[in-house]
Amino acid sequence: MKCISVYTNNFEAFSDIYEQILAAPPEENEDLVFEGITVSGSGDVPEQYIERMRVKPEVVVMKEKGKGITILQHGNVFEICLPVDSADAG
């Protein structure tokens, strides 16, 4: 899965830029700024990463079922985990 890190702890701000991020995701090791929030291409993560994060009490896990997207929120970061096939479509 391809992972994109969004550096904010504000869910409303994250929601406001979420579709923009999906429309123009950063490349691996690239930083972009959407409405003052830094967004980084964090590269690929294994499926096991999501499973390990899911069991931690400080991590919130959200899924966008229709697209196979998993969003992890912990500390001051949201991580958008995209299936590689849809991430490569752009």
C-alpha atoms as a PDB file:
ATOM      1  CA  MET A   1       0.000   0.000   0.000  1.00  0.00           C
ATOM      2  CA  LYS A   2       1.140   3.529  -0.735  1.00  0.00           C
ATOM      3  CA  CYS A   3       1.138   5.823   2.289  1.00  0.00           C
ATOM      4  CA  ILE A   4       0.624   9.583   2.396  1.00  0.00           C
ATOM      5  CA  SER A   5       1.261  11.452   5.659  1.00  0.00           C
ATOM      6  CA  VAL A   6      -0.811  14.547   6.449  1.00  0.00           C
ATOM      7  CA  TYR A   7       0.689  16.605   9.276  1.00  0.00           C
ATOM      8  CA  THR A   8      -2.257  17.907  11.278  1.00  0.00           C
ATOM      9  CA  ASN A   9      -4.298  16.746  14.253  1.00  0.00           C
ATOM     10  CA  ASN A  10      -7.329  18.732  13.085  1.00  0.00           C
ATOM     11  CA  PHE A  11      -9.889  16.353  11.566  1.00  0.00           C
ATOM     12  CA  GLU A  12     -11.919  19.173  10.035  1.00  0.00           C
ATOM     13  CA  ALA A  13      -8.850  20.599   8.256  1.00  0.00           C
ATOM     14  CA  PHE A  14      -7.888  17.082   7.114  1.00  0.00           C
ATOM     15  CA  SER A  15     -11.411  16.512   5.753  1.00  0.00           C
ATOM     16  CA  ASP A  16     -11.284  19.819   3.880  1.00  0.00           C
ATOM     17  CA  ILE A  17      -8.170  18.795   1.892  1.00  0.00           C
ATOM     18  CA  TYR A  18      -8.693  15.007   1.669  1.00  0.00           C
ATOM     19  CA  GLU A  19     -10.168  15.003  -1.863  1.00  0.00           C
ATOM     20  CA  GLN A  20      -7.462  17.414  -3.077  1.00  0.00           C
ATOM     21  CA  ILE A  21      -4.787  15.052  -1.757  1.00  0.00           C
ATOM     22  CA  LEU A  22      -6.348  12.060  -3.521  1.00  0.00           C
ATOM     23  CA  ALA A  23      -6.643  14.051  -6.764  1.00  0.00           C
ATOM     24  CA  ALA A  24      -2.960  15.085  -6.689  1.00  0.00           C
ATOM     25  CA  PRO A  25      -1.038  12.842  -4.268  1.00  0.00           C
ATOM     26  CA  PRO A  26       2.628  13.568  -3.594  1.00  0.00           C
ATOM     27  CA  GLU A  27       5.282  11.255  -4.990  1.00  0.00           C
ATOM     28  CA  GLU A  28       7.457   9.259  -2.594  1.00  0.00           C
ATOM     29  CA  ASN A  29       9.668  11.626  -0.541  1.00  0.00           C
ATOM     30  CA  GLU A  30       7.844  14.666  -1.958  1.00  0.00           C
ATOM     31  CA  ASP A  31       6.288  17.323   0.289  1.00  0.00           C
ATOM     32  CA  LEU A  32       3.279  19.346  -0.842  1.00  0.00           C
ATOM     33  CA  VAL A  33       1.296  21.988   1.046  1.00  0.00           C
ATOM     34  CA  PHE A  34      -2.504  22.046   0.917  1.00  0.00           C
ATOM     35  CA  GLU A  35      -4.132  25.001   2.681  1.00  0.00           C
ATOM     36  CA  GLY A  36      -1.103  25.405   4.942  1.00  0.00           C
ATOM     37  CA  ILE A  37      -0.871  21.693   5.852  1.00  0.00           C
ATOM     38  CA  THR A  38       2.196  19.676   4.849  1.00  0.00           C
ATOM     39  CA  VAL A  39       1.468  16.434   3.019  1.00  0.00           C
ATOM     40  CA  SER A  40       4.268  13.918   2.345  1.00  0.00           C
ATOM     41  CA  GLY A  41       4.573  10.884   0.162  1.00  0.00           C
ATOM     42  CA  SER A  42       5.807   8.267   2.616  1.00  0.00           C
ATOM     43  CA  GLY A  43       6.289   5.424   0.146  1.00  0.00           C
ATOM     44  CA  ASP A  44       4.994   1.897   0.442  1.00  0.00           C
ATOM     45  CA  VAL A  45       3.930   0.213   3.671  1.00  0.00           C
ATOM     46  CA  PRO A  46       3.178  -3.500   4.112  1.00  0.00           C
ATOM     47  CA  GLU A  47      -0.341  -4.677   4.984  1.00  0.00           C
ATOM     48  CA  GLN A  48       1.052  -5.772   8.373  1.00  0.00           C
ATOM     49  CA  TYR A  49       1.757  -2.121   9.234  1.00  0.00           C
ATOM     50  CA  ILE A  50      -1.967  -1.358   9.296  1.00  0.00           C
ATOM     51  CA  GLU A  51      -2.656  -4.435  11.414  1.00  0.00           C
ATOM     52  CA  ARG A  52       0.074  -3.431  13.906  1.00  0.00           C
ATOM     53  CA  MET A  53      -1.266   0.124  14.125  1.00  0.00           C
ATOM     54  CA  ARG A  54      -4.887  -1.060  14.464  1.00  0.00           C
ATOM     55  CA  VAL A  55      -4.220  -2.705  17.850  1.00  0.00           C
ATOM     56  CA  LYS A  56      -2.668   0.414  19.422  1.00  0.00           C
ATOM     57  CA  PRO A  57      -5.134   2.286  21.670  1.00  0.00           C
ATOM     58  CA  GLU A  58      -3.861   5.722  20.570  1.00  0.00           C
ATOM     59  CA  VAL A  59      -4.555   5.056  16.864  1.00  0.00           C
ATOM     60  CA  VAL A  60      -7.889   5.803  15.187  1.00  0.00           C
ATOM     61  CA  VAL A  61      -8.560   3.663  12.102  1.00  0.00           C
ATOM     62  CA  MET A  62     -11.008   4.776   9.409  1.00  0.00           C
ATOM     63  CA  LYS A  63     -11.809   2.960   6.175  1.00  0.00           C
ATOM     64  CA  GLU A  64     -13.234   4.182   2.900  1.00  0.00           C
ATOM     65  CA  LYS A  65     -14.622   0.815   1.881  1.00  0.00           C
ATOM     66  CA  GLY A  66     -15.555   1.538  -1.735  1.00  0.00           C
ATOM     67  CA  LYS A  67     -11.993   2.587  -2.559  1.00  0.00           C
ATOM     68  CA  GLY A  68     -10.045   0.262  -0.242  1.00  0.00           C
ATOM     69  CA  ILE A  69      -8.456   3.261   1.484  1.00  0.00           C
ATOM     70  CA  THR A  70      -7.427   3.067   5.142  1.00  0.00           C
ATOM     71  CA  ILE A  71      -6.797   6.235   7.159  1.00  0.00           C
ATOM     72  CA  LEU A  72      -4.828   6.067  10.404  1.00  0.00           C
ATOM     73  CA  GLN A  73      -4.801   8.996  12.820  1.00  0.00           C
ATOM     74  CA  HIS A  74      -2.338   9.173  15.670  1.00  0.00           C
ATOM     75  CA  GLY A  75      -0.644  12.077  17.361  1.00  0.00           C
ATOM     76  CA  ASN A  76      -0.371  14.990  14.955  1.00  0.00           C
ATOM     77  CA  VAL A  77      -0.565  12.980  11.740  1.00  0.00           C
ATOM     78  CA  PHE A  78      -3.102  11.303   9.507  1.00  0.00           C
ATOM     79  CA  GLU A  79      -1.802   8.516   7.263  1.00  0.00           C
ATOM     80  CA  ILE A  80      -3.745   7.750   4.102  1.00  0.00           C
ATOM     81  CA  CYS A  81      -2.967   4.204   2.932  1.00  0.00           C
ATOM     82  CA  LEU A  82      -3.975   3.609  -0.675  1.00  0.00           C
ATOM     83  CA  PRO A  83      -4.061   0.311  -2.558  1.00  0.00           C
ATOM     84  CA  VAL A  84      -1.111   0.449  -4.966  1.00  0.00           C
ATOM     85  CA  ASP A  85      -3.221  -0.152  -8.099  1.00  0.00           C
ATOM     86  CA  SER A  86      -5.418   2.938  -7.527  1.00  0.00           C
ATOM     87  CA  ALA A  87      -2.434   5.062  -6.457  1.00  0.00           C
ATOM     88  CA  ASP A  88      -0.631   4.233  -9.717  1.00  0.00           C
ATOM     89  CA  ALA A  89      -3.622   5.234 -11.863  1.00  0.00           C
ATOM     90  CA  GLY A  90      -2.567   8.907 -11.848  1.00  0.00           C
END
